[in-house]
Structure formats: structure tokens, C-alpha cells
Amino acid sequence: MEVDFNQYVNSNTLELNNLYVYMEKLVNFLQKKQNITSLTLSNCYIDAQCGEVLNEALENINLPNITECKLTSSIIGAEGSIAITKLLKNG
């Protein structure tokens, strides 16, 4: 089942909970919605590979609008967490 991200937007926050998220589709959505500054992915099965895609998107695909990213109950590992934190801090 494909997720309609629009239904999870509240003001400037995209909050996804307990969903399987295809990172490429999420990144495409975020590129179109420049008003979103906060991203929550709680219990969304974000593993190290998904973390790499998100990290690359934040670094290379020009998502400067994302200033907060919550990855509750994710298994992206310490390296993924540190990389994303640095990007958000320097962005």
C-alpha cells in the first residue's frame, strides 16, 4: 500500500508513525513541500540502508528546509545517526 504523505502533514511537520516508508518517495515528496521543516519517522522500519538514502538526500538533493528529524525506534546505527545529526546541524 502506498502512503499518501499529505494526510500526515500538520503545519510545517510531516509525522509518520508505524508505517513502512519508501525513502525515495519520501524524498520526492519533501522536495515538493518546501514548507516542511520537521520530519518524524517513528517506528517506520528505518534501517541502515534507509538511513543512507535519507542522509544522501539531506546532503546532496538540497533539502535545506528540514531542520529537525526524529527517528524514534529506528535501526540506522550510530554512524547513520551521527551523519544525519551533522547534516541537520550544518544545514
N, C-alpha and C. Protein backbone atom coordinates (compact mmCIF):
# COMPACT_ATOMS: atom_id res chain seq x y z
N MET A 1 0.84 -1.18 0.00
CA MET A 1 0.00 0.00 0.00
C MET A 1 0.89 1.25 0.00
N GLU A 2 0.60 2.16 -0.89
CA GLU A 2 1.37 3.39 -1.00
C GLU A 2 0.85 4.43 -0.01
N VAL A 3 1.76 5.11 0.64
CA VAL A 3 1.42 6.11 1.64
C VAL A 3 1.16 7.46 0.97
N ASP A 4 0.04 8.10 1.33
CA ASP A 4 -0.24 9.47 0.91
C ASP A 4 0.31 10.38 2.00
N PHE A 5 1.50 10.90 1.79
CA PHE A 5 2.16 11.71 2.80
C PHE A 5 1.38 12.96 3.16
N ASN A 6 0.59 13.48 2.25
CA ASN A 6 -0.17 14.71 2.51
C ASN A 6 -1.06 14.59 3.74
N GLN A 7 -1.60 13.41 3.99
CA GLN A 7 -2.51 13.26 5.13
C GLN A 7 -1.79 13.28 6.47
N TYR A 8 -0.45 13.25 6.45
CA TYR A 8 0.33 13.25 7.68
C TYR A 8 1.04 14.58 7.92
N VAL A 9 0.70 15.59 7.14
CA VAL A 9 1.30 16.92 7.30
C VAL A 9 0.42 17.75 8.22
N ASN A 10 1.06 18.33 9.23
CA ASN A 10 0.38 19.24 10.15
C ASN A 10 1.26 20.48 10.26
N SER A 11 0.80 21.56 9.66
CA SER A 11 1.56 22.81 9.62
C SER A 11 2.88 22.58 8.89
N ASN A 12 4.00 22.69 9.59
CA ASN A 12 5.31 22.51 8.96
C ASN A 12 5.95 21.16 9.30
N THR A 13 5.15 20.22 9.80
CA THR A 13 5.66 18.93 10.25
C THR A 13 5.03 17.78 9.47
N LEU A 14 5.88 16.87 9.05
CA LEU A 14 5.42 15.60 8.48
C LEU A 14 5.69 14.55 9.53
N GLU A 15 4.62 13.95 10.05
CA GLU A 15 4.76 12.99 11.14
C GLU A 15 4.22 11.63 10.70
N LEU A 16 5.15 10.69 10.56
CA LEU A 16 4.80 9.34 10.14
C LEU A 16 5.08 8.38 11.28
N ASN A 17 4.08 7.61 11.65
CA ASN A 17 4.20 6.66 12.75
C ASN A 17 3.72 5.28 12.31
N ASN A 18 4.52 4.27 12.62
CA ASN A 18 4.14 2.88 12.37
C ASN A 18 3.79 2.60 10.91
N LEU A 19 4.58 3.16 10.01
CA LEU A 19 4.37 2.95 8.58
C LEU A 19 5.67 2.48 7.94
N TYR A 20 5.54 1.66 6.90
CA TYR A 20 6.71 1.33 6.09
C TYR A 20 6.85 2.43 5.05
N VAL A 21 7.99 3.09 5.03
CA VAL A 21 8.18 4.25 4.16
C VAL A 21 9.24 3.94 3.11
N TYR A 22 8.88 4.17 1.85
CA TYR A 22 9.86 4.09 0.77
C TYR A 22 10.60 5.42 0.73
N MET A 23 11.88 5.39 1.06
CA MET A 23 12.65 6.62 1.21
C MET A 23 12.67 7.46 -0.06
N GLU A 24 12.79 6.83 -1.21
CA GLU A 24 12.84 7.59 -2.45
C GLU A 24 11.56 8.41 -2.64
N LYS A 25 10.42 7.80 -2.31
CA LYS A 25 9.14 8.51 -2.44
C LYS A 25 9.03 9.62 -1.41
N LEU A 26 9.53 9.37 -0.22
CA LEU A 26 9.53 10.39 0.82
C LEU A 26 10.38 11.59 0.40
N VAL A 27 11.56 11.32 -0.13
CA VAL A 27 12.45 12.39 -0.57
C VAL A 27 11.79 13.21 -1.68
N ASN A 28 11.17 12.54 -2.63
CA ASN A 28 10.47 13.25 -3.71
C ASN A 28 9.38 14.15 -3.16
N PHE A 29 8.63 13.65 -2.18
CA PHE A 29 7.57 14.43 -1.55
C PHE A 29 8.16 15.66 -0.86
N LEU A 30 9.24 15.47 -0.09
CA LEU A 30 9.85 16.58 0.64
C LEU A 30 10.42 17.64 -0.29
N GLN A 31 10.89 17.23 -1.45
CA GLN A 31 11.40 18.21 -2.41
C GLN A 31 10.28 19.12 -2.91
N LYS A 32 9.08 18.60 -2.99
CA LYS A 32 7.94 19.37 -3.48
C LYS A 32 7.31 20.22 -2.37
N LYS A 33 7.52 19.83 -1.13
CA LYS A 33 6.88 20.51 0.01
C LYS A 33 7.94 21.25 0.83
N GLN A 34 8.41 22.36 0.30
CA GLN A 34 9.48 23.11 0.94
C GLN A 34 9.06 23.75 2.27
N ASN A 35 7.76 23.79 2.57
CA ASN A 35 7.30 24.36 3.83
C ASN A 35 7.53 23.41 5.01
N ILE A 36 7.80 22.15 4.75
CA ILE A 36 8.01 21.18 5.83
C ILE A 36 9.43 21.35 6.36
N THR A 37 9.52 21.62 7.67
CA THR A 37 10.82 21.80 8.31
C THR A 37 11.12 20.72 9.33
N SER A 38 10.10 19.98 9.73
CA SER A 38 10.27 18.95 10.75
C SER A 38 9.76 17.62 10.23
N LEU A 39 10.55 16.58 10.44
CA LEU A 39 10.22 15.25 9.95
C LEU A 39 10.30 14.26 11.10
N THR A 40 9.22 13.52 11.33
CA THR A 40 9.19 12.48 12.35
C THR A 40 8.91 11.15 11.67
N LEU A 41 9.80 10.20 11.90
CA LEU A 41 9.64 8.84 11.38
C LEU A 41 9.74 7.89 12.57
N SER A 42 8.64 7.68 13.24
CA SER A 42 8.61 6.87 14.45
C SER A 42 8.11 5.46 14.14
N ASN A 43 8.92 4.47 14.49
CA ASN A 43 8.56 3.07 14.23
C ASN A 43 8.24 2.84 12.76
N CYS A 44 9.02 3.43 11.88
CA CYS A 44 8.78 3.32 10.43
C CYS A 44 9.76 2.38 9.75
N TYR A 45 10.37 1.49 10.52
CA TYR A 45 11.24 0.46 9.96
C TYR A 45 12.42 1.07 9.19
N ILE A 46 12.97 2.15 9.72
CA ILE A 46 14.11 2.81 9.10
C ILE A 46 15.37 2.06 9.51
N ASP A 47 15.98 1.37 8.56
CA ASP A 47 17.21 0.63 8.84
C ASP A 47 18.41 1.41 8.31
N ALA A 48 19.57 0.80 8.35
CA ALA A 48 20.80 1.48 7.93
C ALA A 48 20.73 1.91 6.47
N GLN A 49 20.19 1.06 5.61
CA GLN A 49 20.09 1.40 4.18
C GLN A 49 19.16 2.60 3.97
N CYS A 50 18.03 2.61 4.64
CA CYS A 50 17.11 3.76 4.54
C CYS A 50 17.76 5.01 5.10
N GLY A 51 18.51 4.83 6.17
CA GLY A 51 19.23 5.96 6.76
C GLY A 51 20.23 6.56 5.78
N GLU A 52 20.90 5.70 5.00
CA GLU A 52 21.84 6.19 3.99
C GLU A 52 21.12 7.00 2.92
N VAL A 53 19.95 6.53 2.48
CA VAL A 53 19.18 7.26 1.47
C VAL A 53 18.76 8.62 2.00
N LEU A 54 18.26 8.64 3.24
CA LEU A 54 17.85 9.91 3.85
C LEU A 54 19.05 10.84 4.02
N ASN A 55 20.15 10.28 4.48
CA ASN A 55 21.37 11.06 4.65
C ASN A 55 21.82 11.68 3.33
N GLU A 56 21.83 10.89 2.27
CA GLU A 56 22.22 11.38 0.95
C GLU A 56 21.27 12.48 0.48
N ALA A 57 19.99 12.29 0.73
CA ALA A 57 19.00 13.29 0.32
C ALA A 57 19.23 14.61 1.04
N LEU A 58 19.45 14.54 2.33
CA LEU A 58 19.67 15.76 3.10
C LEU A 58 20.95 16.46 2.66
N GLU A 59 21.94 15.67 2.27
CA GLU A 59 23.24 16.23 1.92
C GLU A 59 23.31 16.70 0.47
N ASN A 60 22.79 15.91 -0.46
CA ASN A 60 23.03 16.16 -1.88
C ASN A 60 21.82 16.63 -2.68
N ILE A 61 20.64 16.38 -2.21
CA ILE A 61 19.46 16.66 -3.02
C ILE A 61 18.82 17.98 -2.62
N ASN A 62 19.48 18.72 -1.79
CA ASN A 62 19.04 20.06 -1.44
C ASN A 62 17.71 20.07 -0.71
N LEU A 63 17.73 19.57 0.51
CA LEU A 63 16.57 19.67 1.40
C LEU A 63 16.94 20.54 2.60
N PRO A 64 17.32 21.80 2.35
CA PRO A 64 17.75 22.66 3.46
C PRO A 64 16.62 23.03 4.40
N ASN A 65 15.39 22.82 3.96
CA ASN A 65 14.24 23.17 4.79
C ASN A 65 14.10 22.23 5.98
N ILE A 66 14.61 21.02 5.92
CA ILE A 66 14.47 20.08 7.03
C ILE A 66 15.52 20.42 8.09
N THR A 67 15.03 20.93 9.22
CA THR A 67 15.93 21.32 10.31
C THR A 67 15.78 20.43 11.53
N GLU A 68 14.78 19.56 11.51
CA GLU A 68 14.55 18.64 12.62
C GLU A 68 14.13 17.30 12.06
N CYS A 69 14.76 16.23 12.56
CA CYS A 69 14.43 14.89 12.08
C CYS A 69 14.43 13.94 13.27
N LYS A 70 13.27 13.38 13.59
CA LYS A 70 13.15 12.44 14.70
C LYS A 70 13.00 11.03 14.13
N LEU A 71 13.89 10.14 14.55
CA LEU A 71 13.90 8.77 14.05
C LEU A 71 13.70 7.78 15.19
N THR A 72 12.63 7.93 15.93
CA THR A 72 12.35 7.09 17.08
C THR A 72 12.21 5.63 16.67
N SER A 73 12.84 4.75 17.42
CA SER A 73 12.78 3.30 17.19
C SER A 73 13.28 2.90 15.81
N SER A 74 14.34 3.56 15.37
CA SER A 74 14.97 3.23 14.09
C SER A 74 16.25 2.45 14.35
N ILE A 75 16.67 1.70 13.35
CA ILE A 75 17.89 0.91 13.50
C ILE A 75 18.92 1.34 12.46
N ILE A 76 19.12 2.66 12.36
CA ILE A 76 20.06 3.19 11.37
C ILE A 76 21.50 3.10 11.86
N GLY A 77 21.68 2.80 13.12
CA GLY A 77 23.02 2.66 13.67
C GLY A 77 23.62 4.00 14.08
N ALA A 78 24.71 3.90 14.81
CA ALA A 78 25.36 5.09 15.34
C ALA A 78 25.90 5.98 14.22
N GLU A 79 26.53 5.37 13.21
CA GLU A 79 27.10 6.16 12.12
C GLU A 79 26.03 6.94 11.37
N GLY A 80 24.91 6.29 11.10
CA GLY A 80 23.80 6.96 10.41
C GLY A 80 23.25 8.11 11.23
N SER A 81 23.10 7.87 12.52
CA SER A 81 22.58 8.92 13.41
C SER A 81 23.51 10.12 13.46
N ILE A 82 24.79 9.85 13.57
CA ILE A 82 25.77 10.94 13.65
C ILE A 82 25.80 11.73 12.35
N ALA A 83 25.78 11.02 11.22
CA ALA A 83 25.82 11.70 9.92
C ALA A 83 24.62 12.61 9.73
N ILE A 84 23.43 12.11 10.04
CA ILE A 84 22.22 12.91 9.88
C ILE A 84 22.23 14.09 10.84
N THR A 85 22.68 13.87 12.06
CA THR A 85 22.77 14.95 13.04
C THR A 85 23.70 16.05 12.55
N LYS A 86 24.85 15.68 12.01
CA LYS A 86 25.80 16.67 11.49
C LYS A 86 25.20 17.46 10.34
N LEU A 87 24.50 16.77 9.46
CA LEU A 87 23.89 17.45 8.32
C LEU A 87 22.86 18.46 8.77
N LEU A 88 22.02 18.06 9.72
CA LEU A 88 20.98 18.97 10.20
C LEU A 88 21.60 20.16 10.93
N LYS A 89 22.65 19.91 11.68
CA LYS A 89 23.32 20.97 12.43
C LYS A 89 23.99 21.97 11.49
N ASN A 90 24.61 21.46 10.43
CA ASN A 90 25.34 22.32 9.49
C ASN A 90 24.46 22.89 8.40
N GLY A 91 23.26 22.29 8.21
CA GLY A 91 22.38 22.72 7.13
C GLY A 91 21.88 24.09 7.33
